[in-house]
Amino acid sequence: MTREEIARELKDRARLAEEIIRKYLPDEDGFGRTVTEAMNYSVLAGGKRLRPILMMETYCLYGGQDSKTAIDADSTSAILPFMAAIEFIHNYSLVHDDLPAMDNDLYRRGKKTTHAVYGAGMATLAGDGLLNLAFETALAAFDLCGSADDTEKVARALRILADKAGINGMVGGQCADLEADQEKRGARTMDELMYIHKHKTAAMIESSLMIGAVLAGASDEDIKRAEEAGEKIGLAFQIRDDILDAREEDGSDASNDKLTWVSVYGEEQAKKDVERLSAEAADLIGNSGDRNGFLYDLIDWMITREL
């Protein structure tokens, strides 16, 4: 597919993901309506919905289905609540990242951040609410189970979601990144940088691919391959961010003298590493379906994007 075709397909799938996500958002009423307003504001402030799309595409790949016909917002598949749940977790992490005590950002995706609109206290509650809502939503998948086997798949997917979002995953990576930022130094070594990239960025991409594979009934070997592919995609995605930042005259990494893949290896080697990681990720899941499927086009788009 051409980049224009991939972009169109991505927008179509993002619209579907958005429709699914909206089904699980809380009502804005009662004495707690301000926090639900802040939660909904955070989720609906934009974004490409990459994680739920990756989950959907992996689910369809391992199930031998075409996502354009297999999934819609009215489907009774257990994948739907998990697609919403992973986006809620992603957005809670962004709300907390933007707080004054963290990155202190006032704008994200061209809009005011949640704390800039609702205040730091309410934004903190909104992030807490989104994290809890993620698991309330994922638990709704049990209501869609038609057999003991389905129930076992949902339970396994929940364990993955919790593990990759927690201290052994995203939160652990955020901890290391926050400590580095607070000391005004960035990561000291490539081992520390790799830890941050693998946990803060890659863990939730791993989660997306693994949950899609689990719910599709993939083998343990294929689920492990999906996890490894997710790690490589996440690393490639983050290194691409380093490349794009390095190209900007006022890039934040260079201005803060931060250790990055580009600062250590140079842009040309970083580009080669992105291509290598992407190819390795595609190879890991390549035995499970059509290598011309949209999942592979999406991986390519993620690591060659200009934004």
C-alpha atoms as a PDB file:
ATOM      1  CA  MET A   1       0.000   0.000   0.000  1.00  0.00           C
ATOM      2  CA  THR A   2       1.093   3.580  -0.601  1.00  0.00           C
ATOM      3  CA  ARG A   3       1.511   5.930   2.364  1.00  0.00           C
ATOM      4  CA  GLU A   4      -1.661   7.744   1.294  1.00  0.00           C
ATOM      5  CA  GLU A   5      -3.598   4.473   1.259  1.00  0.00           C
ATOM      6  CA  ILE A   6      -2.215   3.484   4.651  1.00  0.00           C
ATOM      7  CA  ALA A   7      -3.207   6.889   6.044  1.00  0.00           C
ATOM      8  CA  ARG A   8      -6.769   6.452   4.745  1.00  0.00           C
ATOM      9  CA  GLU A   9      -7.032   2.940   6.160  1.00  0.00           C
ATOM     10  CA  LEU A  10      -5.648   4.147   9.483  1.00  0.00           C
ATOM     11  CA  LYS A  11      -8.262   6.908   9.662  1.00  0.00           C
ATOM     12  CA  ASP A  12     -11.042   4.386   8.919  1.00  0.00           C
ATOM     13  CA  ARG A  13      -9.868   2.100  11.711  1.00  0.00           C
ATOM     14  CA  ALA A  14      -9.344   5.032  14.071  1.00  0.00           C
ATOM     15  CA  ARG A  15     -12.976   6.066  13.503  1.00  0.00           C
ATOM     16  CA  LEU A  16     -14.094   2.536  14.379  1.00  0.00           C
ATOM     17  CA  ALA A  17     -11.894   2.499  17.492  1.00  0.00           C
ATOM     18  CA  GLU A  18     -13.302   5.893  18.494  1.00  0.00           C
ATOM     19  CA  GLU A  19     -16.853   4.601  18.137  1.00  0.00           C
ATOM     20  CA  ILE A  20     -16.032   1.617  20.339  1.00  0.00           C
ATOM     21  CA  ILE A  21     -14.282   3.783  22.938  1.00  0.00           C
ATOM     22  CA  ARG A  22     -17.231   6.173  23.178  1.00  0.00           C
ATOM     23  CA  LYS A  23     -19.517   3.264  24.099  1.00  0.00           C
ATOM     24  CA  TYR A  24     -17.618   2.773  27.345  1.00  0.00           C
ATOM     25  CA  LEU A  25     -17.138   6.397  28.426  1.00  0.00           C
ATOM     26  CA  PRO A  26     -18.925   7.432  31.647  1.00  0.00           C
ATOM     27  CA  ASP A  27     -22.022   9.631  31.793  1.00  0.00           C
ATOM     28  CA  GLU A  28     -21.468  13.219  32.877  1.00  0.00           C
ATOM     29  CA  ASP A  29     -24.003  13.619  35.673  1.00  0.00           C
ATOM     30  CA  GLY A  30     -24.387  13.699  39.444  1.00  0.00           C
ATOM     31  CA  PHE A  31     -22.071  15.281  41.996  1.00  0.00           C
ATOM     32  CA  GLY A  32     -19.097  13.526  40.387  1.00  0.00           C
ATOM     33  CA  ARG A  33     -19.764  14.926  36.928  1.00  0.00           C
ATOM     34  CA  THR A  34     -16.703  17.192  36.894  1.00  0.00           C
ATOM     35  CA  VAL A  35     -14.305  14.277  37.064  1.00  0.00           C
ATOM     36  CA  THR A  36     -16.223  12.375  34.363  1.00  0.00           C
ATOM     37  CA  GLU A  37     -16.173  15.502  32.202  1.00  0.00           C
ATOM     38  CA  ALA A  38     -12.400  15.689  32.682  1.00  0.00           C
ATOM     39  CA  MET A  39     -12.024  11.986  31.889  1.00  0.00           C
ATOM     40  CA  ASN A  40     -14.050  12.292  28.694  1.00  0.00           C
ATOM     41  CA  TYR A  41     -12.208  15.467  27.713  1.00  0.00           C
ATOM     42  CA  SER A  42      -8.902  13.623  28.057  1.00  0.00           C
ATOM     43  CA  VAL A  43      -9.963  10.612  25.986  1.00  0.00           C
ATOM     44  CA  LEU A  44     -11.673  12.624  23.248  1.00  0.00           C
ATOM     45  CA  ALA A  45      -8.909  15.214  22.825  1.00  0.00           C
ATOM     46  CA  GLY A  46      -7.564  13.417  19.763  1.00  0.00           C
ATOM     47  CA  GLY A  47      -5.013  10.731  18.998  1.00  0.00           C
ATOM     48  CA  LYS A  48      -4.490   8.044  16.366  1.00  0.00           C
ATOM     49  CA  ARG A  49      -5.833   5.182  18.540  1.00  0.00           C
ATOM     50  CA  LEU A  50      -2.802   3.081  17.600  1.00  0.00           C
ATOM     51  CA  ARG A  51      -2.983   0.677  20.542  1.00  0.00           C
ATOM     52  CA  PRO A  52      -6.603  -0.439  20.064  1.00  0.00           C
ATOM     53  CA  ILE A  53      -5.984  -0.671  16.304  1.00  0.00           C
ATOM     54  CA  LEU A  54      -2.904  -2.830  16.872  1.00  0.00           C
ATOM     55  CA  MET A  55      -4.973  -5.021  19.194  1.00  0.00           C
ATOM     56  CA  MET A  56      -7.781  -5.358  16.652  1.00  0.00           C
ATOM     57  CA  GLU A  57      -5.444  -6.131  13.756  1.00  0.00           C
ATOM     58  CA  THR A  58      -3.541  -8.752  15.761  1.00  0.00           C
ATOM     59  CA  TYR A  59      -6.825 -10.331  16.868  1.00  0.00           C
ATOM     60  CA  CYS A  60      -7.957 -10.592  13.265  1.00  0.00           C
ATOM     61  CA  LEU A  61      -4.552 -11.781  12.047  1.00  0.00           C
ATOM     62  CA  TYR A  62      -4.417 -14.701  14.466  1.00  0.00           C
ATOM     63  CA  GLY A  63      -8.096 -15.409  13.907  1.00  0.00           C
ATOM     64  CA  GLY A  64      -7.643 -15.465  10.137  1.00  0.00           C
ATOM     65  CA  GLN A  65     -10.146 -12.646   9.673  1.00  0.00           C
ATOM     66  CA  ASP A  66     -10.335  -9.323   7.871  1.00  0.00           C
ATOM     67  CA  SER A  67     -10.732  -6.549  10.419  1.00  0.00           C
ATOM     68  CA  LYS A  68     -12.843  -4.491   8.011  1.00  0.00           C
ATOM     69  CA  THR A  69     -15.562  -7.147   8.067  1.00  0.00           C
ATOM     70  CA  ALA A  70     -14.938  -8.996  11.359  1.00  0.00           C
ATOM     71  CA  ILE A  71     -15.219  -6.101  13.812  1.00  0.00           C
ATOM     72  CA  ASP A  72     -17.751  -3.325  14.209  1.00  0.00           C
ATOM     73  CA  ALA A  73     -18.917  -1.250  17.149  1.00  0.00           C
ATOM     74  CA  ASP A  74     -21.934  -3.515  17.694  1.00  0.00           C
ATOM     75  CA  SER A  75     -19.928  -6.728  17.714  1.00  0.00           C
ATOM     76  CA  THR A  76     -20.287  -9.108  20.656  1.00  0.00           C
ATOM     77  CA  SER A  77     -16.598  -9.962  20.582  1.00  0.00           C
ATOM     78  CA  ALA A  78     -14.646  -9.648  23.841  1.00  0.00           C
ATOM     79  CA  ILE A  79     -12.024  -7.654  21.936  1.00  0.00           C
ATOM     80  CA  LEU A  80     -14.186  -4.502  22.075  1.00  0.00           C
ATOM     81  CA  PRO A  81     -13.977  -3.738  25.822  1.00  0.00           C
ATOM     82  CA  PHE A  82     -10.249  -4.463  25.751  1.00  0.00           C
ATOM     83  CA  MET A  83      -9.763  -2.035  22.854  1.00  0.00           C
ATOM     84  CA  ALA A  84     -11.421   0.673  24.933  1.00  0.00           C
ATOM     85  CA  ALA A  85      -9.578  -0.340  28.100  1.00  0.00           C
ATOM     86  CA  ILE A  86      -6.102  -0.036  26.624  1.00  0.00           C
ATOM     87  CA  GLU A  87      -6.899   3.426  25.275  1.00  0.00           C
ATOM     88  CA  PHE A  88      -8.162   4.490  28.709  1.00  0.00           C
ATOM     89  CA  ILE A  89      -4.869   3.343  30.239  1.00  0.00           C
ATOM     90  CA  HIS A  90      -2.879   5.167  27.567  1.00  0.00           C
ATOM     91  CA  ASN A  91      -4.812   8.379  28.157  1.00  0.00           C
ATOM     92  CA  TYR A  92      -4.564   8.171  31.955  1.00  0.00           C
ATOM     93  CA  SER A  93      -0.793   7.977  31.542  1.00  0.00           C
ATOM     94  CA  LEU A  94      -0.824  11.096  29.343  1.00  0.00           C
ATOM     95  CA  VAL A  95      -2.976  13.026  31.832  1.00  0.00           C
ATOM     96  CA  HIS A  96      -0.523  12.221  34.625  1.00  0.00           C
ATOM     97  CA  ASP A  97       2.530  12.871  32.417  1.00  0.00           C
ATOM     98  CA  ASP A  98       1.260  16.381  31.703  1.00  0.00           C
ATOM     99  CA  LEU A  99       0.771  17.307  35.376  1.00  0.00           C
ATOM    100  CA  PRO A 100       2.903  20.091  36.919  1.00  0.00           C
ATOM    101  CA  ALA A 101       4.650  17.514  39.103  1.00  0.00           C
ATOM    102  CA  MET A 102       5.645  15.518  36.008  1.00  0.00           C
ATOM    103  CA  ASP A 103       6.289  17.172  32.610  1.00  0.00           C
ATOM    104  CA  ASN A 104       4.157  20.273  33.289  1.00  0.00           C
ATOM    105  CA  ASP A 105       2.804  20.478  29.723  1.00  0.00           C
ATOM    106  CA  LEU A 106      -0.004  22.911  28.937  1.00  0.00           C
ATOM    107  CA  TYR A 107      -0.829  21.617  25.449  1.00  0.00           C
ATOM    108  CA  ARG A 108      -1.136  18.193  23.861  1.00  0.00           C
ATOM    109  CA  ARG A 109      -2.280  17.543  20.278  1.00  0.00           C
ATOM    110  CA  GLY A 110      -2.923  21.263  19.897  1.00  0.00           C
ATOM    111  CA  LYS A 111      -5.387  21.388  22.812  1.00  0.00           C
ATOM    112  CA  LYS A 112      -5.025  22.420  26.427  1.00  0.00           C
ATOM    113  CA  THR A 113      -4.039  19.538  28.664  1.00  0.00           C
ATOM    114  CA  THR A 114      -6.480  18.258  31.259  1.00  0.00           C
ATOM    115  CA  HIS A 115      -4.814  20.011  34.196  1.00  0.00           C
ATOM    116  CA  ALA A 116      -4.708  23.274  32.227  1.00  0.00           C
ATOM    117  CA  VAL A 117      -8.506  23.096  31.879  1.00  0.00           C
ATOM    118  CA  TYR A 118      -9.625  21.450  35.134  1.00  0.00           C
ATOM    119  CA  GLY A 119      -6.740  22.070  37.539  1.00  0.00           C
ATOM    120  CA  ALA A 120      -4.059  19.678  38.780  1.00  0.00           C
ATOM    121  CA  GLY A 121      -6.219  18.080  41.471  1.00  0.00           C
ATOM    122  CA  MET A 122      -9.114  17.239  39.175  1.00  0.00           C
ATOM    123  CA  ALA A 123      -6.716  16.067  36.465  1.00  0.00           C
ATOM    124  CA  THR A 124      -5.128  13.684  38.960  1.00  0.00           C
ATOM    125  CA  LEU A 125      -8.571  12.296  39.752  1.00  0.00           C
ATOM    126  CA  ALA A 126      -9.359  12.047  36.028  1.00  0.00           C
ATOM    127  CA  GLY A 127      -6.242   9.949  35.487  1.00  0.00           C
ATOM    128  CA  ASP A 128      -7.144   7.767  38.459  1.00  0.00           C
ATOM    129  CA  GLY A 129     -10.671   7.437  37.117  1.00  0.00           C
ATOM    130  CA  LEU A 130      -9.469   6.391  33.666  1.00  0.00           C
ATOM    131  CA  LEU A 131      -7.183   3.722  35.086  1.00  0.00           C
ATOM    132  CA  ASN A 132     -10.015   2.274  37.153  1.00  0.00           C
ATOM    133  CA  LEU A 133     -12.444   2.606  34.231  1.00  0.00           C
ATOM    134  CA  ALA A 134     -10.028   0.589  32.089  1.00  0.00           C
ATOM    135  CA  PHE A 135     -10.416  -2.424  34.328  1.00  0.00           C
ATOM    136  CA  GLU A 136     -14.151  -1.928  34.831  1.00  0.00           C
ATOM    137  CA  THR A 137     -14.422  -1.957  31.037  1.00  0.00           C
ATOM    138  CA  ALA A 138     -12.148  -4.945  30.493  1.00  0.00           C
ATOM    139  CA  LEU A 139     -14.116  -6.919  33.101  1.00  0.00           C
ATOM    140  CA  ALA A 140     -17.225  -6.377  30.961  1.00  0.00           C
ATOM    141  CA  ALA A 141     -15.658  -8.828  28.499  1.00  0.00           C
ATOM    142  CA  PHE A 142     -16.704 -11.664  30.821  1.00  0.00           C
ATOM    143  CA  ASP A 143     -20.329 -10.835  29.972  1.00  0.00           C
ATOM    144  CA  LEU A 144     -19.535 -11.610  26.321  1.00  0.00           C
ATOM    145  CA  CYS A 145     -18.060 -15.042  26.992  1.00  0.00           C
ATOM    146  CA  GLY A 146     -19.975 -17.965  25.548  1.00  0.00           C
ATOM    147  CA  SER A 147     -17.861 -20.806  26.913  1.00  0.00           C
ATOM    148  CA  ALA A 148     -15.350 -21.743  29.594  1.00  0.00           C
ATOM    149  CA  ASP A 149     -12.615 -21.376  26.980  1.00  0.00           C
ATOM    150  CA  ASP A 150     -13.702 -17.796  26.275  1.00  0.00           C
ATOM    151  CA  THR A 151     -13.676 -17.029  29.994  1.00  0.00           C
ATOM    152  CA  GLU A 152     -10.142 -18.381  30.320  1.00  0.00           C
ATOM    153  CA  LYS A 153      -8.973 -16.195  27.415  1.00  0.00           C
ATOM    154  CA  VAL A 154     -10.462 -13.068  28.993  1.00  0.00           C
ATOM    155  CA  ALA A 155      -8.848 -13.851  32.355  1.00  0.00           C
ATOM    156  CA  ARG A 156      -5.478 -14.295  30.659  1.00  0.00           C
ATOM    157  CA  ALA A 157      -5.907 -11.035  28.735  1.00  0.00           C
ATOM    158  CA  LEU A 158      -6.691  -9.211  31.994  1.00  0.00           C
ATOM    159  CA  ARG A 159      -3.491 -10.482  33.578  1.00  0.00           C
ATOM    160  CA  ILE A 160      -1.502  -9.195  30.617  1.00  0.00           C
ATOM    161  CA  LEU A 161      -3.239  -5.808  30.721  1.00  0.00           C
ATOM    162  CA  ALA A 162      -2.502  -5.395  34.433  1.00  0.00           C
ATOM    163  CA  ASP A 163       1.103  -6.570  34.232  1.00  0.00           C
ATOM    164  CA  LYS A 164       2.114  -4.416  31.261  1.00  0.00           C
ATOM    165  CA  ALA A 165       0.465  -1.310  32.735  1.00  0.00           C
ATOM    166  CA  GLY A 166       1.950  -1.717  36.204  1.00  0.00           C
ATOM    167  CA  ILE A 167       5.287  -1.525  37.994  1.00  0.00           C
ATOM    168  CA  ASN A 168       6.727  -4.289  35.807  1.00  0.00           C
ATOM    169  CA  GLY A 169       5.700  -2.341  32.717  1.00  0.00           C
ATOM    170  CA  MET A 170       4.641   1.214  31.964  1.00  0.00           C
ATOM    171  CA  VAL A 171       4.669   2.568  35.530  1.00  0.00           C
ATOM    172  CA  GLY A 172       8.161   1.170  36.084  1.00  0.00           C
ATOM    173  CA  GLY A 173       9.373   2.887  32.921  1.00  0.00           C
ATOM    174  CA  GLN A 174       7.726   6.151  33.935  1.00  0.00           C
ATOM    175  CA  CYS A 175       9.433   5.931  37.332  1.00  0.00           C
ATOM    176  CA  ALA A 176      12.885   5.631  35.757  1.00  0.00           C
ATOM    177  CA  ASP A 177      12.135   8.431  33.298  1.00  0.00           C
ATOM    178  CA  LEU A 178      10.784  10.746  36.001  1.00  0.00           C
ATOM    179  CA  GLU A 179      13.800  10.242  38.236  1.00  0.00           C
ATOM    180  CA  ALA A 180      16.103  10.986  35.315  1.00  0.00           C
ATOM    181  CA  ASP A 181      14.177  14.162  34.474  1.00  0.00           C
ATOM    182  CA  GLN A 182      14.082  15.337  38.091  1.00  0.00           C
ATOM    183  CA  GLU A 183      17.852  15.030  38.260  1.00  0.00           C
ATOM    184  CA  LYS A 184      18.085  17.082  35.028  1.00  0.00           C
ATOM    185  CA  ARG A 185      20.234  14.452  33.425  1.00  0.00           C
ATOM    186  CA  GLY A 186      18.180  12.040  31.340  1.00  0.00           C
ATOM    187  CA  ALA A 187      19.237   8.395  31.230  1.00  0.00           C
ATOM    188  CA  ARG A 188      22.892   7.919  32.237  1.00  0.00           C
ATOM    189  CA  THR A 189      23.577   4.716  30.318  1.00  0.00           C
ATOM    190  CA  MET A 190      22.187   2.870  27.332  1.00  0.00           C
ATOM    191  CA  ASP A 191      20.951   0.160  29.715  1.00  0.00           C
ATOM    192  CA  GLU A 192      18.886   2.758  31.576  1.00  0.00           C
ATOM    193  CA  LEU A 193      17.639   4.283  28.308  1.00  0.00           C
ATOM    194  CA  MET A 194      16.694   0.830  27.023  1.00  0.00           C
ATOM    195  CA  TYR A 195      14.820   0.126  30.269  1.00  0.00           C
ATOM    196  CA  ILE A 196      12.805   3.339  29.907  1.00  0.00           C
ATOM    197  CA  HIS A 197      11.997   2.690  26.234  1.00  0.00           C
ATOM    198  CA  LYS A 198      11.037  -0.957  26.804  1.00  0.00           C
ATOM    199  CA  HIS A 199       8.836  -0.252  29.795  1.00  0.00           C
ATOM    200  CA  LYS A 200       7.376   3.216  29.238  1.00  0.00           C
ATOM    201  CA  THR A 201       6.721   2.878  25.489  1.00  0.00           C
ATOM    202  CA  ALA A 202       6.945  -0.749  24.403  1.00  0.00           C
ATOM    203  CA  ALA A 203       5.048  -2.429  27.263  1.00  0.00           C
ATOM    204  CA  MET A 204       1.604  -1.209  26.211  1.00  0.00           C
ATOM    205  CA  ILE A 205       2.301  -2.051  22.560  1.00  0.00           C
ATOM    206  CA  GLU A 206       3.285  -5.544  23.702  1.00  0.00           C
ATOM    207  CA  SER A 207       0.024  -5.658  25.657  1.00  0.00           C
ATOM    208  CA  SER A 208      -1.990  -4.686  22.581  1.00  0.00           C
ATOM    209  CA  LEU A 209      -0.517  -7.433  20.416  1.00  0.00           C
ATOM    210  CA  MET A 210      -0.591 -10.087  23.126  1.00  0.00           C
ATOM    211  CA  ILE A 211      -4.221  -9.460  24.105  1.00  0.00           C
ATOM    212  CA  GLY A 212      -5.281  -9.548  20.468  1.00  0.00           C
ATOM    213  CA  ALA A 213      -3.499 -12.875  20.035  1.00  0.00           C
ATOM    214  CA  VAL A 214      -4.869 -14.348  23.286  1.00  0.00           C
ATOM    215  CA  LEU A 215      -8.483 -13.472  22.523  1.00  0.00           C
ATOM    216  CA  ALA A 216      -8.118 -14.868  18.994  1.00  0.00           C
ATOM    217  CA  GLY A 217      -7.039 -18.224  20.438  1.00  0.00           C
ATOM    218  CA  ALA A 218      -3.416 -18.079  19.292  1.00  0.00           C
ATOM    219  CA  SER A 219      -0.921 -20.647  20.554  1.00  0.00           C
ATOM    220  CA  ASP A 220       1.425 -19.916  23.446  1.00  0.00           C
ATOM    221  CA  GLU A 221       4.282 -19.742  20.939  1.00  0.00           C
ATOM    222  CA  ASP A 222       2.460 -17.156  18.842  1.00  0.00           C
ATOM    223  CA  ILE A 223       1.548 -15.101  21.932  1.00  0.00           C
ATOM    224  CA  LYS A 224       5.230 -15.043  22.893  1.00  0.00           C
ATOM    225  CA  ARG A 225       6.103 -13.968  19.350  1.00  0.00           C
ATOM    226  CA  ALA A 226       3.506 -11.194  19.600  1.00  0.00           C
ATOM    227  CA  GLU A 227       5.116  -9.986  22.836  1.00  0.00           C
ATOM    228  CA  GLU A 228       8.581  -9.942  21.260  1.00  0.00           C
ATOM    229  CA  ALA A 229       7.225  -8.178  18.176  1.00  0.00           C
ATOM    230  CA  GLY A 230       5.536  -5.571  20.381  1.00  0.00           C
ATOM    231  CA  GLU A 231       8.818  -4.847  22.159  1.00  0.00           C
ATOM    232  CA  LYS A 232      10.627  -4.327  18.855  1.00  0.00           C
ATOM    233  CA  ILE A 233       7.836  -2.124  17.483  1.00  0.00           C
ATOM    234  CA  GLY A 234       7.884  -0.045  20.669  1.00  0.00           C
ATOM    235  CA  LEU A 235      11.659   0.404  20.539  1.00  0.00           C
ATOM    236  CA  ALA A 236      11.548   1.323  16.854  1.00  0.00           C
ATOM    237  CA  PHE A 237       8.715   3.768  17.528  1.00  0.00           C
ATOM    238  CA  GLN A 238      10.706   5.482  20.295  1.00  0.00           C
ATOM    239  CA  ILE A 239      13.944   5.611  18.303  1.00  0.00           C
ATOM    240  CA  ARG A 240      11.976   7.226  15.480  1.00  0.00           C
ATOM    241  CA  ASP A 241      10.858   9.855  18.000  1.00  0.00           C
ATOM    242  CA  ASP A 242      14.523  10.462  18.861  1.00  0.00           C
ATOM    243  CA  ILE A 243      15.322  10.939  15.165  1.00  0.00           C
ATOM    244  CA  LEU A 244      12.473  13.395  14.634  1.00  0.00           C
ATOM    245  CA  ASP A 245      13.430  15.360  17.754  1.00  0.00           C
ATOM    246  CA  ALA A 246      17.084  15.534  16.662  1.00  0.00           C
ATOM    247  CA  ARG A 247      16.052  17.066  13.329  1.00  0.00           C
ATOM    248  CA  GLU A 248      14.348  20.009  15.028  1.00  0.00           C
ATOM    249  CA  GLU A 249      16.483  23.067  15.703  1.00  0.00           C
ATOM    250  CA  ASP A 250      14.965  23.426  19.154  1.00  0.00           C
ATOM    251  CA  GLY A 251      14.432  19.732  19.826  1.00  0.00           C
ATOM    252  CA  SER A 252      13.869  19.096  23.527  1.00  0.00           C
ATOM    253  CA  ASP A 253      16.318  16.186  23.742  1.00  0.00           C
ATOM    254  CA  ALA A 254      19.262  18.126  22.337  1.00  0.00           C
ATOM    255  CA  SER A 255      18.486  21.291  24.296  1.00  0.00           C
ATOM    256  CA  ASN A 256      18.356  19.277  27.526  1.00  0.00           C
ATOM    257  CA  ASP A 257      21.499  17.323  26.624  1.00  0.00           C
ATOM    258  CA  LYS A 258      19.600  14.050  27.001  1.00  0.00           C
ATOM    259  CA  LEU A 259      21.042  10.662  26.170  1.00  0.00           C
ATOM    260  CA  THR A 260      19.146   9.308  23.138  1.00  0.00           C
ATOM    261  CA  TRP A 261      19.675   6.642  20.519  1.00  0.00           C
ATOM    262  CA  VAL A 262      20.688   9.385  18.070  1.00  0.00           C
ATOM    263  CA  SER A 263      23.124  11.093  20.437  1.00  0.00           C
ATOM    264  CA  VAL A 264      24.937   7.772  20.988  1.00  0.00           C
ATOM    265  CA  TYR A 265      24.801   6.118  17.572  1.00  0.00           C
ATOM    266  CA  GLY A 266      24.069   8.974  15.164  1.00  0.00           C
ATOM    267  CA  GLU A 267      21.039   9.442  12.930  1.00  0.00           C
ATOM    268  CA  GLU A 268      22.108   7.069  10.155  1.00  0.00           C
ATOM    269  CA  GLN A 269      22.675   4.156  12.517  1.00  0.00           C
ATOM    270  CA  ALA A 270      19.449   4.990  14.366  1.00  0.00           C
ATOM    271  CA  LYS A 271      17.548   4.797  11.067  1.00  0.00           C
ATOM    272  CA  LYS A 272      19.144   1.418  10.325  1.00  0.00           C
ATOM    273  CA  ASP A 273      18.189   0.168  13.795  1.00  0.00           C
ATOM    274  CA  VAL A 274      14.583   1.278  13.250  1.00  0.00           C
ATOM    275  CA  GLU A 275      14.446  -0.617   9.961  1.00  0.00           C
ATOM    276  CA  ARG A 276      16.046  -3.700  11.530  1.00  0.00           C
ATOM    277  CA  LEU A 277      13.673  -3.749  14.501  1.00  0.00           C
ATOM    278  CA  SER A 278      10.685  -3.280  12.217  1.00  0.00           C
ATOM    279  CA  ALA A 279      11.772  -6.147   9.961  1.00  0.00           C
ATOM    280  CA  GLU A 280      12.363  -8.395  12.964  1.00  0.00           C
ATOM    281  CA  ALA A 281       8.905  -7.574  14.327  1.00  0.00           C
ATOM    282  CA  ALA A 282       7.295  -8.415  10.988  1.00  0.00           C
ATOM    283  CA  ASP A 283       9.217 -11.689  10.831  1.00  0.00           C
ATOM    284  CA  LEU A 284       8.054 -12.670  14.317  1.00  0.00           C
ATOM    285  CA  ILE A 285       4.395 -12.475  13.348  1.00  0.00           C
ATOM    286  CA  GLY A 286       4.888 -13.263   9.681  1.00  0.00           C
ATOM    287  CA  ASN A 287       4.101 -16.968   9.999  1.00  0.00           C
ATOM    288  CA  SER A 288       0.640 -16.230  11.337  1.00  0.00           C
ATOM    289  CA  GLY A 289      -1.036 -14.671   8.327  1.00  0.00           C
ATOM    290  CA  ASP A 290      -0.766 -12.673   5.143  1.00  0.00           C
ATOM    291  CA  ARG A 291       2.393 -10.544   5.132  1.00  0.00           C
ATOM    292  CA  ASN A 292       0.465  -8.099   2.976  1.00  0.00           C
ATOM    293  CA  GLY A 293      -2.112  -7.511   5.708  1.00  0.00           C
ATOM    294  CA  PHE A 294      -2.755  -4.073   7.198  1.00  0.00           C
ATOM    295  CA  LEU A 295      -0.911  -4.894  10.431  1.00  0.00           C
ATOM    296  CA  TYR A 296       2.378  -4.953   8.528  1.00  0.00           C
ATOM    297  CA  ASP A 297       1.550  -1.709   6.728  1.00  0.00           C
ATOM    298  CA  LEU A 298       0.724  -0.143  10.095  1.00  0.00           C
ATOM    299  CA  ILE A 299       4.045  -1.238  11.594  1.00  0.00           C
ATOM    300  CA  ASP A 300       5.845   0.313   8.622  1.00  0.00           C
ATOM    301  CA  TRP A 301       3.873   3.547   8.999  1.00  0.00           C
ATOM    302  CA  MET A 302       4.636   3.754  12.726  1.00  0.00           C
ATOM    303  CA  ILE A 303       8.387   3.591  12.242  1.00  0.00           C
ATOM    304  CA  THR A 304       8.644   5.796   9.146  1.00  0.00           C
ATOM    305  CA  ARG A 305       6.207   8.519  10.176  1.00  0.00           C
ATOM    306  CA  GLU A 306       7.221  12.177  10.049  1.00  0.00           C
ATOM    307  CA  LEU A 307       5.023  13.296  12.980  1.00  0.00           C
END
